[in-house]
């Protein structure tokens, strides 16, 4: 468990450090491509260590037992998270090198951080329905990274882009649906639904509609 906590702390801490205080120095020394490569490599090493420690703990008893209502709610939330994730690759200014349109479109009309919220929702859902001590450590780290990273992205965009970012972000929301309901876009809706069905089919436990045929 201590190894899991250490790897989780390193995974989250390295993300925050490389994304903000260390980014300028690393880009200056390595170049943008080199920075992206080192960033990805360090993240992958710590993430792999976290998963290795998680699996090494074996079976654990859950802290609480999730009822049927929790599983049904989890399935709905995971479908929504999949829609956000699929739509986050379409016209998203948070992606490296992606231009910023005049108006948010697709899932960006629901939240300006669709990818981060998809991870945050996954973390909460996984913590609620699995609820083992090791899952709570893993999920807490992912939740902290997703929401803390979103706050950091906002601050960086505000500093670098200024008034244009203010105008763009005023048309969307930090928390999904905080500014109302909008159509997420066909790519997000169809792609997210297919992603959800594939992910739940591959899941080690029978979940979603696959519970009916298990």
N, C-alpha and C. Protein backbone atom coordinates (compact mmCIF):
# COMPACT_ATOMS: atom_id res chain seq x y z
N UNK A 1 0.84 -1.21 0.00
CA UNK A 1 0.00 0.00 0.00
C UNK A 1 0.87 1.26 0.00
N UNK A 2 1.98 1.19 0.75
CA UNK A 2 2.87 2.35 0.78
C UNK A 2 3.44 2.63 -0.61
N UNK A 3 3.81 1.57 -1.34
CA UNK A 3 4.31 1.75 -2.71
C UNK A 3 3.25 2.38 -3.60
N UNK A 4 2.01 1.95 -3.46
CA UNK A 4 0.91 2.52 -4.25
C UNK A 4 0.77 4.01 -3.95
N UNK A 5 0.81 4.37 -2.68
CA UNK A 5 0.68 5.77 -2.30
C UNK A 5 1.84 6.59 -2.85
N UNK A 6 3.06 6.04 -2.78
CA UNK A 6 4.24 6.76 -3.28
C UNK A 6 4.17 6.95 -4.80
N UNK A 7 3.81 5.89 -5.51
CA UNK A 7 3.69 6.01 -6.97
C UNK A 7 2.56 6.98 -7.36
N UNK A 8 1.45 6.93 -6.64
CA UNK A 8 0.34 7.84 -6.92
C UNK A 8 0.76 9.29 -6.68
N UNK A 9 1.47 9.53 -5.58
CA UNK A 9 1.94 10.89 -5.29
C UNK A 9 2.93 11.36 -6.35
N UNK A 10 3.82 10.46 -6.79
CA UNK A 10 4.79 10.81 -7.83
C UNK A 10 4.09 11.08 -9.16
N UNK A 11 3.07 10.29 -9.48
CA UNK A 11 2.33 10.46 -10.73
C UNK A 11 1.64 11.82 -10.77
N UNK A 12 0.93 12.15 -9.69
CA UNK A 12 0.21 13.42 -9.64
C UNK A 12 1.19 14.59 -9.52
N UNK A 13 2.17 14.47 -8.62
CA UNK A 13 3.11 15.56 -8.40
C UNK A 13 3.94 15.89 -9.63
N UNK A 14 4.39 14.86 -10.36
CA UNK A 14 5.19 15.11 -11.57
C UNK A 14 4.36 15.80 -12.64
N UNK A 15 3.08 15.45 -12.74
CA UNK A 15 2.20 16.12 -13.70
C UNK A 15 2.10 17.62 -13.40
N UNK A 16 1.82 17.93 -12.13
CA UNK A 16 1.68 19.33 -11.76
C UNK A 16 3.00 20.08 -11.94
N UNK A 17 4.10 19.45 -11.55
CA UNK A 17 5.41 20.12 -11.64
C UNK A 17 5.80 20.38 -13.09
N UNK A 18 5.63 19.37 -13.96
CA UNK A 18 6.04 19.53 -15.35
C UNK A 18 5.08 20.41 -16.14
N UNK A 19 3.84 20.48 -15.70
CA UNK A 19 2.86 21.30 -16.43
C UNK A 19 2.98 22.78 -16.09
N UNK A 20 3.56 23.10 -14.94
CA UNK A 20 3.58 24.50 -14.52
C UNK A 20 4.97 25.01 -14.15
N UNK A 21 5.49 24.79 -12.92
CA UNK A 21 6.76 25.45 -12.56
C UNK A 21 7.97 25.00 -13.38
N UNK A 22 7.99 23.74 -13.83
CA UNK A 22 9.16 23.23 -14.56
C UNK A 22 9.01 23.31 -16.08
N UNK A 23 7.83 23.64 -16.55
CA UNK A 23 7.56 23.55 -17.99
C UNK A 23 8.48 24.45 -18.81
N UNK A 24 8.58 25.71 -18.45
CA UNK A 24 9.37 26.66 -19.25
C UNK A 24 10.83 26.22 -19.36
N UNK A 25 11.42 25.83 -18.24
CA UNK A 25 12.82 25.41 -18.25
C UNK A 25 13.02 24.14 -19.06
N UNK A 26 12.08 23.22 -18.96
CA UNK A 26 12.19 21.97 -19.71
C UNK A 26 12.04 22.20 -21.21
N UNK A 27 11.09 23.06 -21.60
CA UNK A 27 10.90 23.36 -23.02
C UNK A 27 12.13 24.08 -23.58
N UNK A 28 12.68 25.01 -22.80
CA UNK A 28 13.87 25.73 -23.25
C UNK A 28 15.05 24.78 -23.46
N UNK A 29 15.19 23.80 -22.60
CA UNK A 29 16.32 22.87 -22.69
C UNK A 29 16.08 21.77 -23.72
N UNK A 30 14.84 21.26 -23.79
CA UNK A 30 14.55 20.09 -24.61
C UNK A 30 13.82 20.40 -25.91
N UNK A 31 13.24 21.59 -26.02
CA UNK A 31 12.36 21.88 -27.15
C UNK A 31 10.97 21.32 -26.88
N UNK A 32 9.99 21.79 -27.64
CA UNK A 32 8.61 21.38 -27.38
C UNK A 32 8.42 19.87 -27.57
N UNK A 33 8.97 19.32 -28.65
CA UNK A 33 8.82 17.89 -28.90
C UNK A 33 9.55 17.07 -27.84
N UNK A 34 10.75 17.50 -27.49
CA UNK A 34 11.50 16.80 -26.46
C UNK A 34 10.79 16.83 -25.12
N UNK A 35 10.22 17.99 -24.80
CA UNK A 35 9.47 18.12 -23.56
C UNK A 35 8.28 17.16 -23.53
N UNK A 36 7.54 17.11 -24.63
CA UNK A 36 6.38 16.21 -24.69
C UNK A 36 6.81 14.76 -24.52
N UNK A 37 7.96 14.41 -25.11
CA UNK A 37 8.45 13.04 -24.98
C UNK A 37 8.85 12.70 -23.56
N UNK A 38 9.60 13.59 -22.91
CA UNK A 38 10.01 13.36 -21.53
C UNK A 38 8.81 13.36 -20.60
N UNK A 39 7.90 14.29 -20.81
CA UNK A 39 6.67 14.36 -20.01
C UNK A 39 5.91 13.04 -20.09
N UNK A 40 5.75 12.54 -21.31
CA UNK A 40 5.00 11.29 -21.50
C UNK A 40 5.72 10.11 -20.88
N UNK A 41 7.04 10.07 -21.02
CA UNK A 41 7.81 8.95 -20.49
C UNK A 41 7.74 8.91 -18.96
N UNK A 42 7.95 10.05 -18.31
CA UNK A 42 7.90 10.10 -16.84
C UNK A 42 6.49 9.74 -16.35
N UNK A 43 5.48 10.26 -17.02
CA UNK A 43 4.10 9.95 -16.63
C UNK A 43 3.82 8.46 -16.78
N UNK A 44 4.30 7.88 -17.87
CA UNK A 44 4.06 6.45 -18.12
C UNK A 44 4.76 5.59 -17.07
N UNK A 45 5.98 5.96 -16.70
CA UNK A 45 6.72 5.19 -15.69
C UNK A 45 5.98 5.20 -14.35
N UNK A 46 5.56 6.38 -13.91
CA UNK A 46 4.88 6.46 -12.62
C UNK A 46 3.49 5.81 -12.67
N UNK A 47 2.81 5.94 -13.81
CA UNK A 47 1.50 5.31 -13.95
C UNK A 47 1.64 3.79 -13.93
N UNK A 48 2.65 3.27 -14.65
CA UNK A 48 2.88 1.83 -14.66
C UNK A 48 3.23 1.33 -13.26
N UNK A 49 4.03 2.10 -12.53
CA UNK A 49 4.35 1.73 -11.16
C UNK A 49 3.12 1.71 -10.28
N UNK A 50 2.23 2.66 -10.49
CA UNK A 50 1.01 2.72 -9.70
C UNK A 50 0.13 1.49 -9.97
N UNK A 51 -0.01 1.12 -11.24
CA UNK A 51 -0.81 -0.05 -11.59
C UNK A 51 -0.16 -1.33 -11.07
N UNK A 52 1.18 -1.41 -11.17
CA UNK A 52 1.90 -2.58 -10.65
C UNK A 52 1.67 -2.75 -9.15
N UNK A 53 1.76 -1.65 -8.40
CA UNK A 53 1.54 -1.70 -6.95
C UNK A 53 0.08 -2.04 -6.65
N UNK A 54 -0.84 -1.50 -7.44
CA UNK A 54 -2.27 -1.76 -7.25
C UNK A 54 -2.56 -3.25 -7.43
N UNK A 55 -2.06 -3.82 -8.50
CA UNK A 55 -2.30 -5.24 -8.78
C UNK A 55 -1.60 -6.13 -7.76
N UNK A 56 -0.45 -5.69 -7.29
CA UNK A 56 0.31 -6.49 -6.34
C UNK A 56 -0.37 -6.63 -4.99
N UNK A 57 -1.30 -5.75 -4.67
CA UNK A 57 -2.00 -5.82 -3.39
C UNK A 57 -3.03 -6.95 -3.36
N UNK A 58 -3.37 -7.49 -4.52
CA UNK A 58 -4.31 -8.60 -4.56
C UNK A 58 -5.73 -8.19 -4.17
N UNK A 59 -6.49 -9.18 -3.77
CA UNK A 59 -7.90 -8.95 -3.44
C UNK A 59 -8.03 -8.28 -2.08
N UNK A 60 -8.88 -7.27 -1.99
CA UNK A 60 -9.15 -6.59 -0.72
C UNK A 60 -10.65 -6.51 -0.50
N UNK A 61 -11.04 -6.48 0.74
CA UNK A 61 -12.45 -6.31 1.09
C UNK A 61 -12.83 -4.83 0.93
N UNK A 62 -13.98 -4.55 0.34
CA UNK A 62 -14.40 -3.14 0.20
C UNK A 62 -14.72 -2.51 1.54
N UNK A 63 -14.51 -1.21 1.59
CA UNK A 63 -14.84 -0.44 2.80
C UNK A 63 -16.34 -0.37 2.98
N UNK A 64 -17.09 -0.32 1.89
CA UNK A 64 -18.55 -0.36 1.93
C UNK A 64 -19.03 -1.17 0.73
N UNK A 65 -20.29 -1.54 0.76
CA UNK A 65 -20.88 -2.33 -0.32
C UNK A 65 -21.80 -1.45 -1.15
N UNK A 66 -21.55 -1.42 -2.45
CA UNK A 66 -22.38 -0.61 -3.35
C UNK A 66 -23.66 -1.36 -3.69
N UNK A 67 -24.78 -0.71 -3.51
CA UNK A 67 -26.06 -1.33 -3.82
C UNK A 67 -26.39 -1.25 -5.31
N UNK A 68 -27.53 -1.78 -5.67
CA UNK A 68 -27.93 -1.80 -7.08
C UNK A 68 -28.08 -0.38 -7.63
N UNK A 69 -28.58 0.52 -6.79
CA UNK A 69 -28.75 1.91 -7.23
C UNK A 69 -27.42 2.52 -7.63
N UNK A 70 -26.36 2.14 -6.89
CA UNK A 70 -25.03 2.69 -7.18
C UNK A 70 -24.53 2.18 -8.52
N UNK A 71 -24.78 0.92 -8.82
CA UNK A 71 -24.34 0.35 -10.10
C UNK A 71 -25.09 0.99 -11.27
N UNK A 72 -26.39 1.19 -11.11
CA UNK A 72 -27.17 1.82 -12.19
C UNK A 72 -26.70 3.25 -12.41
N UNK A 73 -26.51 4.00 -11.33
CA UNK A 73 -26.02 5.38 -11.45
C UNK A 73 -24.63 5.40 -12.07
N UNK A 74 -23.80 4.44 -11.68
CA UNK A 74 -22.44 4.37 -12.21
C UNK A 74 -22.44 4.14 -13.72
N UNK A 75 -23.33 3.30 -14.18
CA UNK A 75 -23.38 3.01 -15.62
C UNK A 75 -23.81 4.23 -16.42
N UNK A 76 -24.76 4.99 -15.90
CA UNK A 76 -25.19 6.21 -16.58
C UNK A 76 -24.06 7.24 -16.60
N UNK A 77 -23.39 7.39 -15.46
CA UNK A 77 -22.29 8.35 -15.38
C UNK A 77 -21.12 7.95 -16.27
N UNK A 78 -20.84 6.66 -16.35
CA UNK A 78 -19.72 6.22 -17.19
C UNK A 78 -20.04 6.41 -18.67
N UNK A 79 -21.30 6.23 -19.04
CA UNK A 79 -21.67 6.53 -20.43
C UNK A 79 -21.45 8.01 -20.73
N UNK A 80 -21.86 8.88 -19.80
CA UNK A 80 -21.66 10.31 -19.99
C UNK A 80 -20.18 10.65 -20.04
N UNK A 81 -19.39 10.03 -19.17
CA UNK A 81 -17.94 10.27 -19.19
C UNK A 81 -17.34 9.84 -20.52
N UNK A 82 -17.84 8.77 -21.10
CA UNK A 82 -17.35 8.30 -22.40
C UNK A 82 -17.69 9.29 -23.51
N UNK A 83 -18.87 9.88 -23.42
CA UNK A 83 -19.27 10.91 -24.39
C UNK A 83 -18.35 12.12 -24.28
N UNK A 84 -18.06 12.54 -23.05
CA UNK A 84 -17.15 13.67 -22.85
C UNK A 84 -15.76 13.35 -23.40
N UNK A 85 -15.27 12.14 -23.14
CA UNK A 85 -13.94 11.78 -23.60
C UNK A 85 -13.86 11.75 -25.12
N UNK A 86 -14.85 11.14 -25.77
CA UNK A 86 -14.85 11.09 -27.23
C UNK A 86 -14.93 12.49 -27.83
N UNK A 87 -15.76 13.34 -27.24
CA UNK A 87 -15.92 14.69 -27.76
C UNK A 87 -14.76 15.61 -27.45
N UNK A 88 -13.91 15.23 -26.49
CA UNK A 88 -12.80 16.11 -26.09
C UNK A 88 -11.72 16.21 -27.16
N UNK A 89 -11.76 15.34 -28.15
CA UNK A 89 -10.76 15.38 -29.23
C UNK A 89 -11.21 16.23 -30.41
N UNK A 90 -12.38 16.87 -30.30
CA UNK A 90 -12.93 17.67 -31.38
C UNK A 90 -12.86 19.15 -31.02
N UNK A 91 -12.03 19.92 -31.71
CA UNK A 91 -11.94 21.38 -31.57
C UNK A 91 -11.71 21.80 -30.12
N UNK A 92 -10.82 21.09 -29.44
CA UNK A 92 -10.55 21.37 -28.03
C UNK A 92 -9.25 22.17 -27.91
N UNK A 93 -9.29 23.43 -27.48
CA UNK A 93 -8.08 24.24 -27.40
C UNK A 93 -7.10 23.78 -26.33
N UNK A 94 -7.52 22.84 -25.46
CA UNK A 94 -6.61 22.32 -24.44
C UNK A 94 -5.60 21.34 -25.03
N UNK A 95 -5.89 20.81 -26.23
CA UNK A 95 -4.97 19.86 -26.86
C UNK A 95 -3.77 20.61 -27.43
N UNK A 96 -2.57 20.00 -27.38
CA UNK A 96 -1.37 20.68 -27.88
C UNK A 96 -1.51 21.10 -29.35
N UNK A 97 -1.29 22.37 -29.62
CA UNK A 97 -1.31 22.87 -30.99
C UNK A 97 -2.69 23.11 -31.57
N UNK A 98 -3.74 22.85 -30.80
CA UNK A 98 -5.10 23.03 -31.32
C UNK A 98 -5.50 24.50 -31.27
N UNK A 99 -6.07 25.03 -32.37
CA UNK A 99 -6.51 26.43 -32.37
C UNK A 99 -7.77 26.61 -31.53
N UNK A 100 -8.02 27.82 -31.10
CA UNK A 100 -9.20 28.12 -30.31
C UNK A 100 -10.22 28.82 -31.19
N UNK A 101 -11.38 28.18 -31.37
CA UNK A 101 -12.44 28.77 -32.17
C UNK A 101 -13.07 29.95 -31.44
N UNK A 102 -13.89 30.71 -32.17
CA UNK A 102 -14.54 31.87 -31.55
C UNK A 102 -15.56 31.45 -30.50
N UNK A 103 -16.20 30.27 -30.73
CA UNK A 103 -17.22 29.80 -29.80
C UNK A 103 -16.97 28.33 -29.48
N UNK A 104 -17.23 27.91 -28.24
CA UNK A 104 -17.13 26.49 -27.91
C UNK A 104 -18.16 25.69 -28.69
N UNK A 105 -17.79 24.48 -29.08
CA UNK A 105 -18.70 23.61 -29.83
C UNK A 105 -18.70 22.22 -29.21
N UNK A 106 -19.75 21.44 -29.50
CA UNK A 106 -19.82 20.07 -29.03
C UNK A 106 -19.83 19.99 -27.51
N UNK A 107 -19.05 19.06 -26.97
CA UNK A 107 -19.03 18.88 -25.51
C UNK A 107 -18.41 20.08 -24.80
N UNK A 108 -17.69 20.91 -25.53
CA UNK A 108 -17.12 22.11 -24.92
C UNK A 108 -18.19 23.12 -24.54
N UNK A 109 -19.39 22.94 -25.05
CA UNK A 109 -20.51 23.78 -24.62
C UNK A 109 -21.03 23.33 -23.25
N UNK A 110 -20.72 22.09 -22.87
CA UNK A 110 -21.13 21.58 -21.57
C UNK A 110 -20.09 21.90 -20.49
N UNK A 111 -18.82 21.75 -20.85
CA UNK A 111 -17.71 22.05 -19.95
C UNK A 111 -16.47 22.31 -20.79
N UNK A 112 -15.63 23.22 -20.33
CA UNK A 112 -14.41 23.50 -21.09
C UNK A 112 -13.29 22.50 -20.77
N UNK A 113 -13.59 21.53 -19.91
CA UNK A 113 -12.61 20.49 -19.58
C UNK A 113 -13.24 19.10 -19.71
N UNK A 114 -13.70 18.74 -20.91
CA UNK A 114 -14.40 17.46 -21.06
C UNK A 114 -13.53 16.24 -20.76
N UNK A 115 -12.26 16.27 -21.18
CA UNK A 115 -11.40 15.11 -20.93
C UNK A 115 -11.13 14.96 -19.43
N UNK A 116 -10.84 16.06 -18.76
CA UNK A 116 -10.55 16.00 -17.34
C UNK A 116 -11.77 15.55 -16.55
N UNK A 117 -12.96 16.02 -16.94
CA UNK A 117 -14.16 15.61 -16.24
C UNK A 117 -14.49 14.15 -16.51
N UNK A 118 -14.15 13.63 -17.67
CA UNK A 118 -14.37 12.21 -17.93
C UNK A 118 -13.53 11.37 -16.98
N UNK A 119 -12.27 11.79 -16.73
CA UNK A 119 -11.41 11.08 -15.78
C UNK A 119 -11.93 11.23 -14.35
N UNK A 120 -12.40 12.45 -14.02
CA UNK A 120 -12.91 12.70 -12.67
C UNK A 120 -14.15 11.85 -12.39
N UNK A 121 -15.04 11.76 -13.36
CA UNK A 121 -16.25 10.95 -13.18
C UNK A 121 -15.88 9.49 -13.03
N UNK A 122 -14.93 9.02 -13.87
CA UNK A 122 -14.48 7.63 -13.75
C UNK A 122 -13.94 7.37 -12.35
N UNK A 123 -13.13 8.28 -11.82
CA UNK A 123 -12.53 8.10 -10.51
C UNK A 123 -13.59 7.99 -9.42
N UNK A 124 -14.58 8.86 -9.46
CA UNK A 124 -15.65 8.84 -8.45
C UNK A 124 -16.46 7.56 -8.56
N UNK A 125 -16.83 7.19 -9.79
CA UNK A 125 -17.62 5.98 -10.00
C UNK A 125 -16.85 4.75 -9.51
N UNK A 126 -15.58 4.65 -9.88
CA UNK A 126 -14.77 3.50 -9.49
C UNK A 126 -14.64 3.42 -7.97
N UNK A 127 -14.45 4.56 -7.33
CA UNK A 127 -14.32 4.58 -5.88
C UNK A 127 -15.61 4.11 -5.20
N UNK A 128 -16.76 4.55 -5.71
CA UNK A 128 -18.04 4.22 -5.09
C UNK A 128 -18.37 2.74 -5.23
N UNK A 129 -18.19 2.17 -6.43
CA UNK A 129 -18.65 0.80 -6.66
C UNK A 129 -17.60 -0.25 -6.28
N UNK A 130 -16.31 0.09 -6.31
CA UNK A 130 -15.28 -0.87 -5.93
C UNK A 130 -14.95 -0.73 -4.44
N UNK A 131 -14.61 0.47 -4.03
CA UNK A 131 -14.53 0.84 -2.61
C UNK A 131 -13.51 0.06 -1.78
N UNK A 132 -12.51 -0.54 -2.42
CA UNK A 132 -11.44 -1.16 -1.65
C UNK A 132 -10.42 -0.08 -1.27
N UNK A 133 -9.62 -0.29 -0.24
CA UNK A 133 -8.62 0.72 0.13
C UNK A 133 -7.70 1.10 -1.02
N UNK A 134 -7.24 0.11 -1.79
CA UNK A 134 -6.33 0.43 -2.90
C UNK A 134 -7.05 1.22 -3.99
N UNK A 135 -8.32 0.93 -4.21
CA UNK A 135 -9.09 1.68 -5.21
C UNK A 135 -9.28 3.12 -4.76
N UNK A 136 -9.50 3.34 -3.49
CA UNK A 136 -9.68 4.70 -2.98
C UNK A 136 -8.42 5.53 -3.16
N UNK A 137 -7.24 4.91 -2.98
CA UNK A 137 -5.98 5.62 -3.20
C UNK A 137 -5.82 5.96 -4.69
N UNK A 138 -6.02 4.97 -5.54
CA UNK A 138 -5.90 5.18 -6.99
C UNK A 138 -6.87 6.25 -7.47
N UNK A 139 -8.12 6.13 -7.07
CA UNK A 139 -9.16 7.04 -7.55
C UNK A 139 -8.99 8.45 -7.01
N UNK A 140 -8.54 8.57 -5.76
CA UNK A 140 -8.31 9.90 -5.20
C UNK A 140 -7.21 10.63 -5.97
N UNK A 141 -6.17 9.89 -6.36
CA UNK A 141 -5.08 10.51 -7.12
C UNK A 141 -5.56 10.96 -8.49
N UNK A 142 -6.37 10.14 -9.15
CA UNK A 142 -6.89 10.50 -10.48
C UNK A 142 -7.84 11.69 -10.38
N UNK A 143 -8.65 11.72 -9.34
CA UNK A 143 -9.59 12.83 -9.16
C UNK A 143 -8.84 14.13 -8.90
N UNK A 144 -7.83 14.07 -8.05
CA UNK A 144 -7.02 15.25 -7.76
C UNK A 144 -6.32 15.76 -9.01
N UNK A 145 -5.77 14.84 -9.79
CA UNK A 145 -5.08 15.23 -11.01
C UNK A 145 -6.04 15.86 -12.02
N UNK A 146 -7.22 15.26 -12.17
CA UNK A 146 -8.18 15.76 -13.16
C UNK A 146 -8.69 17.16 -12.80
N UNK A 147 -9.14 17.34 -11.57
CA UNK A 147 -9.72 18.63 -11.19
C UNK A 147 -8.63 19.68 -10.96
N UNK A 148 -7.53 19.27 -10.31
CA UNK A 148 -6.43 20.22 -10.12
C UNK A 148 -5.82 20.62 -11.45
N UNK A 149 -5.71 19.66 -12.37
CA UNK A 149 -5.19 19.99 -13.70
C UNK A 149 -6.09 20.95 -14.45
N UNK A 150 -7.39 20.81 -14.27
CA UNK A 150 -8.33 21.72 -14.92
C UNK A 150 -8.17 23.15 -14.41
N UNK A 151 -8.03 23.28 -13.11
CA UNK A 151 -7.81 24.61 -12.53
C UNK A 151 -6.51 25.21 -13.05
N UNK A 152 -5.46 24.38 -13.13
CA UNK A 152 -4.18 24.85 -13.65
C UNK A 152 -4.25 25.26 -15.11
N UNK A 153 -5.00 24.50 -15.91
CA UNK A 153 -5.18 24.86 -17.31
C UNK A 153 -5.87 26.21 -17.45
N UNK A 154 -6.90 26.43 -16.66
CA UNK A 154 -7.60 27.71 -16.72
C UNK A 154 -6.65 28.87 -16.41
N UNK A 155 -5.86 28.70 -15.36
CA UNK A 155 -4.94 29.76 -14.96
C UNK A 155 -3.90 30.03 -16.04
N UNK A 156 -3.39 28.97 -16.65
CA UNK A 156 -2.37 29.13 -17.70
C UNK A 156 -2.96 29.80 -18.94
N UNK A 157 -4.14 29.36 -19.36
CA UNK A 157 -4.78 29.96 -20.53
C UNK A 157 -5.12 31.43 -20.27
N UNK A 158 -5.56 31.71 -19.06
CA UNK A 158 -5.90 33.10 -18.72
C UNK A 158 -4.66 33.99 -18.80
N UNK A 159 -3.54 33.45 -18.37
CA UNK A 159 -2.29 34.22 -18.37
C UNK A 159 -1.74 34.39 -19.78
N UNK A 160 -1.82 33.34 -20.60
CA UNK A 160 -1.21 33.38 -21.93
C UNK A 160 -2.09 34.03 -22.99
N UNK A 161 -3.40 33.84 -22.87
CA UNK A 161 -4.31 34.31 -23.93
C UNK A 161 -5.04 35.58 -23.54
N UNK A 162 -5.29 35.74 -22.24
CA UNK A 162 -5.88 36.99 -21.77
C UNK A 162 -7.35 37.16 -22.11
N UNK A 163 -7.68 38.30 -22.72
CA UNK A 163 -9.06 38.68 -22.95
C UNK A 163 -9.80 37.70 -23.85
N UNK A 164 -9.11 37.15 -24.83
CA UNK A 164 -9.78 36.20 -25.73
C UNK A 164 -10.19 34.94 -24.97
N UNK A 165 -9.34 34.49 -24.05
CA UNK A 165 -9.71 33.34 -23.23
C UNK A 165 -10.89 33.67 -22.32
N UNK A 166 -10.91 34.87 -21.79
CA UNK A 166 -12.02 35.30 -20.95
C UNK A 166 -13.33 35.25 -21.74
N UNK A 167 -13.32 35.75 -22.97
CA UNK A 167 -14.53 35.76 -23.80
C UNK A 167 -14.96 34.33 -24.14
N UNK A 168 -13.99 33.47 -24.46
CA UNK A 168 -14.31 32.10 -24.86
C UNK A 168 -14.83 31.30 -23.67
N UNK A 169 -14.15 31.39 -22.54
CA UNK A 169 -14.54 30.60 -21.37
C UNK A 169 -15.87 31.07 -20.78
N UNK A 170 -16.23 32.33 -21.02
CA UNK A 170 -17.51 32.84 -20.52
C UNK A 170 -18.69 32.19 -21.22
N UNK A 171 -18.45 31.53 -22.35
CA UNK A 171 -19.52 30.88 -23.11
C UNK A 171 -19.70 29.41 -22.72
N UNK A 172 -18.88 28.92 -21.82
CA UNK A 172 -18.99 27.54 -21.37
C UNK A 172 -18.87 27.53 -19.85
N UNK A 173 -18.60 26.35 -19.27
CA UNK A 173 -18.58 26.25 -17.81
C UNK A 173 -17.45 25.34 -17.36
N UNK A 174 -17.05 25.51 -16.12
CA UNK A 174 -16.06 24.60 -15.54
C UNK A 174 -16.73 23.26 -15.20
N UNK A 175 -17.82 23.32 -14.44
CA UNK A 175 -18.57 22.12 -14.06
C UNK A 175 -19.59 21.80 -15.16
N UNK A 176 -19.67 20.56 -15.62
CA UNK A 176 -20.64 20.21 -16.67
C UNK A 176 -22.06 20.63 -16.32
N UNK A 177 -22.73 21.21 -17.31
CA UNK A 177 -24.13 21.62 -17.23
C UNK A 177 -24.35 22.85 -16.35
N UNK A 178 -23.29 23.46 -15.84
CA UNK A 178 -23.47 24.64 -14.99
C UNK A 178 -24.08 25.80 -15.76
N UNK A 179 -23.91 25.83 -17.08
CA UNK A 179 -24.53 26.87 -17.91
C UNK A 179 -25.65 26.31 -18.77
N UNK A 180 -26.19 25.18 -18.39
CA UNK A 180 -27.32 24.63 -19.10
C UNK A 180 -26.96 23.39 -19.92
N UNK A 181 -27.98 22.85 -20.59
CA UNK A 181 -27.84 21.63 -21.39
C UNK A 181 -27.62 22.01 -22.84
N UNK A 182 -26.76 21.26 -23.52
CA UNK A 182 -26.48 21.50 -24.94
C UNK A 182 -26.22 20.16 -25.62
N UNK A 183 -26.44 20.11 -26.92
CA UNK A 183 -26.17 18.90 -27.69
C UNK A 183 -24.66 18.69 -27.77
N UNK A 184 -24.15 17.52 -27.36
CA UNK A 184 -22.70 17.32 -27.31
C UNK A 184 -22.04 17.11 -28.66
N UNK A 185 -22.84 16.93 -29.71
CA UNK A 185 -22.29 16.67 -31.03
C UNK A 185 -22.40 15.20 -31.39
N UNK A 186 -22.56 14.93 -32.67
CA UNK A 186 -22.76 13.55 -33.13
C UNK A 186 -21.53 12.69 -32.90
N UNK A 187 -20.35 13.24 -33.14
CA UNK A 187 -19.11 12.48 -32.93
C UNK A 187 -19.00 12.04 -31.48
N UNK A 188 -19.27 12.96 -30.56
CA UNK A 188 -19.18 12.65 -29.14
C UNK A 188 -20.24 11.63 -28.73
N UNK A 189 -21.46 11.81 -29.21
CA UNK A 189 -22.57 10.95 -28.81
C UNK A 189 -22.38 9.53 -29.33
N UNK A 190 -22.10 9.41 -30.62
CA UNK A 190 -21.93 8.08 -31.22
C UNK A 190 -20.61 7.44 -30.78
N UNK A 191 -19.54 8.23 -30.89
CA UNK A 191 -18.24 7.71 -30.50
C UNK A 191 -18.18 7.35 -29.02
N UNK A 192 -18.77 8.18 -28.17
CA UNK A 192 -18.77 7.91 -26.75
C UNK A 192 -19.58 6.67 -26.39
N UNK A 193 -20.71 6.49 -27.06
CA UNK A 193 -21.54 5.31 -26.81
C UNK A 193 -20.81 4.03 -27.22
N UNK A 194 -20.15 4.06 -28.38
CA UNK A 194 -19.37 2.90 -28.83
C UNK A 194 -18.20 2.62 -27.88
N UNK A 195 -17.54 3.69 -27.43
CA UNK A 195 -16.44 3.54 -26.49
C UNK A 195 -16.94 2.93 -25.18
N UNK A 196 -18.08 3.39 -24.71
CA UNK A 196 -18.67 2.87 -23.48
C UNK A 196 -18.99 1.39 -23.61
N UNK A 197 -19.60 1.01 -24.72
CA UNK A 197 -19.96 -0.40 -24.92
C UNK A 197 -18.71 -1.28 -25.00
N UNK A 198 -17.67 -0.79 -25.69
CA UNK A 198 -16.43 -1.56 -25.80
C UNK A 198 -15.75 -1.69 -24.44
N UNK A 199 -15.66 -0.58 -23.71
CA UNK A 199 -14.98 -0.59 -22.42
C UNK A 199 -15.70 -1.49 -21.41
N UNK A 200 -17.03 -1.44 -21.40
CA UNK A 200 -17.76 -2.28 -20.46
C UNK A 200 -17.72 -3.75 -20.88
N UNK A 201 -17.63 -4.02 -22.16
CA UNK A 201 -17.49 -5.41 -22.63
C UNK A 201 -16.14 -6.00 -22.22
N UNK A 202 -15.09 -5.16 -22.26
CA UNK A 202 -13.76 -5.60 -21.88
C UNK A 202 -13.54 -5.61 -20.37
N UNK A 203 -14.44 -5.03 -19.61
CA UNK A 203 -14.27 -4.92 -18.16
C UNK A 203 -14.21 -6.31 -17.52
N UNK A 204 -13.33 -6.51 -16.53
CA UNK A 204 -13.24 -7.83 -15.90
C UNK A 204 -14.50 -8.26 -15.16
N UNK A 205 -15.33 -7.29 -14.73
CA UNK A 205 -16.60 -7.61 -14.10
C UNK A 205 -17.73 -7.38 -15.09
N UNK A 206 -18.81 -8.18 -15.04
CA UNK A 206 -19.95 -7.93 -15.93
C UNK A 206 -20.66 -6.63 -15.55
N UNK A 207 -20.62 -5.65 -16.42
CA UNK A 207 -21.22 -4.35 -16.13
C UNK A 207 -22.07 -3.92 -17.31
N UNK A 208 -22.87 -2.88 -17.10
CA UNK A 208 -23.74 -2.30 -18.14
C UNK A 208 -24.68 -3.36 -18.69
N UNK A 209 -24.96 -3.29 -20.01
CA UNK A 209 -25.89 -4.24 -20.61
C UNK A 209 -25.33 -5.65 -20.61
N UNK A 210 -24.01 -5.78 -20.44
CA UNK A 210 -23.38 -7.11 -20.46
C UNK A 210 -23.75 -7.89 -19.21
N UNK A 211 -24.24 -7.22 -18.18
CA UNK A 211 -24.70 -7.93 -16.98
C UNK A 211 -25.93 -8.78 -17.31
N UNK A 212 -26.68 -8.36 -18.33
CA UNK A 212 -27.90 -9.09 -18.69
C UNK A 212 -27.61 -10.37 -19.44
N UNK A 213 -26.42 -10.45 -20.06
CA UNK A 213 -26.10 -11.63 -20.86
C UNK A 213 -24.99 -12.46 -20.23
N UNK A 214 -24.51 -12.03 -19.06
CA UNK A 214 -23.41 -12.76 -18.40
C UNK A 214 -23.92 -14.09 -17.81
